[in-house]
Amino acid sequence: MGEENKEFDLIIIRLIFLFIRQ
């Protein structure tokens, strides 16, 4: 569970970063 949550967090952070970079 923790590992899956960490991966999900990374994806969300990358998505937000991409959105902010726009």
PDB file of N, CA and C in Angstrom:
ATOM      1  N   MET A   1       0.844  -1.197   0.000  1.00  0.00           N
ATOM      2  CA  MET A   1       0.000   0.000   0.000  1.00  0.00           C
ATOM      3  C   MET A   1       0.888   1.259   0.000  1.00  0.00           C
ATOM      4  N   GLY A   2       1.846   1.318   0.900  1.00  0.00           N
ATOM      5  CA  GLY A   2       2.707   2.510   0.960  1.00  0.00           C
ATOM      6  C   GLY A   2       3.472   2.705  -0.345  1.00  0.00           C
ATOM      7  N   GLU A   3       3.979   1.589  -0.899  1.00  0.00           N
ATOM      8  CA  GLU A   3       4.748   1.727  -2.140  1.00  0.00           C
ATOM      9  C   GLU A   3       3.864   2.264  -3.263  1.00  0.00           C
ATOM     10  N   GLU A   4       2.665   1.726  -3.365  1.00  0.00           N
ATOM     11  CA  GLU A   4       1.764   2.181  -4.431  1.00  0.00           C
ATOM     12  C   GLU A   4       1.436   3.662  -4.234  1.00  0.00           C
ATOM     13  N   ASN A   5       1.243   4.043  -2.996  1.00  0.00           N
ATOM     14  CA  ASN A   5       0.903   5.441  -2.706  1.00  0.00           C
ATOM     15  C   ASN A   5       2.065   6.351  -3.113  1.00  0.00           C
ATOM     16  N   LYS A   6       3.281   5.896  -2.864  1.00  0.00           N
ATOM     17  CA  LYS A   6       4.453   6.723  -3.207  1.00  0.00           C
ATOM     18  C   LYS A   6       4.512   6.910  -4.729  1.00  0.00           C
ATOM     19  N   GLU A   7       4.268   5.848  -5.471  1.00  0.00           N
ATOM     20  CA  GLU A   7       4.329   5.964  -6.935  1.00  0.00           C
ATOM     21  C   GLU A   7       3.263   6.935  -7.417  1.00  0.00           C
ATOM     22  N   PHE A   8       2.083   6.843  -6.827  1.00  0.00           N
ATOM     23  CA  PHE A   8       0.980   7.727  -7.225  1.00  0.00           C
ATOM     24  C   PHE A   8       1.355   9.172  -6.933  1.00  0.00           C
ATOM     25  N   ASP A   9       1.974   9.388  -5.782  1.00  0.00           N
ATOM     26  CA  ASP A   9       2.388  10.751  -5.404  1.00  0.00           C
ATOM     27  C   ASP A   9       3.367  11.301  -6.450  1.00  0.00           C
ATOM     28  N   LEU A  10       4.286  10.454  -6.886  1.00  0.00           N
ATOM     29  CA  LEU A  10       5.284  10.912  -7.863  1.00  0.00           C
ATOM     30  C   LEU A  10       4.599  11.326  -9.158  1.00  0.00           C
ATOM     31  N   ILE A  11       3.620  10.530  -9.586  1.00  0.00           N
ATOM     32  CA  ILE A  11       2.898  10.854 -10.827  1.00  0.00           C
ATOM     33  C   ILE A  11       2.163  12.188 -10.662  1.00  0.00           C
ATOM     34  N   ILE A  12       1.528  12.373  -9.530  1.00  0.00           N
ATOM     35  CA  ILE A  12       0.779  13.628  -9.301  1.00  0.00           C
ATOM     36  C   ILE A  12       1.746  14.807  -9.299  1.00  0.00           C
ATOM     37  N   ILE A  13       2.860  14.656  -8.631  1.00  0.00           N
ATOM     38  CA  ILE A  13       3.836  15.766  -8.562  1.00  0.00           C
ATOM     39  C   ILE A  13       4.307  16.115  -9.969  1.00  0.00           C
ATOM     40  N   ARG A  14       4.581  15.087 -10.771  1.00  0.00           N
ATOM     41  CA  ARG A  14       5.069  15.335 -12.157  1.00  0.00           C
ATOM     42  C   ARG A  14       3.983  16.040 -12.963  1.00  0.00           C
ATOM     43  N   LEU A  15       2.746  15.629 -12.749  1.00  0.00           N
ATOM     44  CA  LEU A  15       1.633  16.254 -13.498  1.00  0.00           C
ATOM     45  C   LEU A  15       1.502  17.722 -13.108  1.00  0.00           C
ATOM     46  N   ILE A  16       1.591  17.984 -11.810  1.00  0.00           N
ATOM     47  CA  ILE A  16       1.471  19.370 -11.334  1.00  0.00           C
ATOM     48  C   ILE A  16       2.641  20.192 -11.881  1.00  0.00           C
ATOM     49  N   PHE A  17       3.828  19.627 -11.842  1.00  0.00           N
ATOM     50  CA  PHE A  17       5.015  20.346 -12.321  1.00  0.00           C
ATOM     51  C   PHE A  17       4.840  20.707 -13.790  1.00  0.00           C
ATOM     52  N   LEU A  18       4.319  19.765 -14.562  1.00  0.00           N
ATOM     53  CA  LEU A  18       4.104  20.017 -15.994  1.00  0.00           C
ATOM     54  C   LEU A  18       3.090  21.139 -16.166  1.00  0.00           C
ATOM     55  N   PHE A  19       2.050  21.106 -15.370  1.00  0.00           N
ATOM     56  CA  PHE A  19       0.994  22.132 -15.466  1.00  0.00           C
ATOM     57  C   PHE A  19       1.561  23.501 -15.102  1.00  0.00           C
ATOM     58  N   ILE A  20       2.383  23.544 -14.064  1.00  0.00           N
ATOM     59  CA  ILE A  20       2.950  24.836 -13.621  1.00  0.00           C
ATOM     60  C   ILE A  20       3.925  25.347 -14.685  1.00  0.00           C
ATOM     61  N   ARG A  21       4.690  24.423 -15.271  1.00  0.00           N
ATOM     62  CA  ARG A  21       5.697  24.831 -16.274  1.00  0.00           C
ATOM     63  C   ARG A  21       4.998  25.454 -17.484  1.00  0.00           C
ATOM     64  N   GLN A  22       3.759  25.034 -17.744  1.00  0.00           N
ATOM     65  CA  GLN A  22       3.024  25.593 -18.891  1.00  0.00           C
ATOM     66  C   GLN A  22       2.860  27.056 -18.636  1.00  0.00           C
TER      67      GLN A  22
END
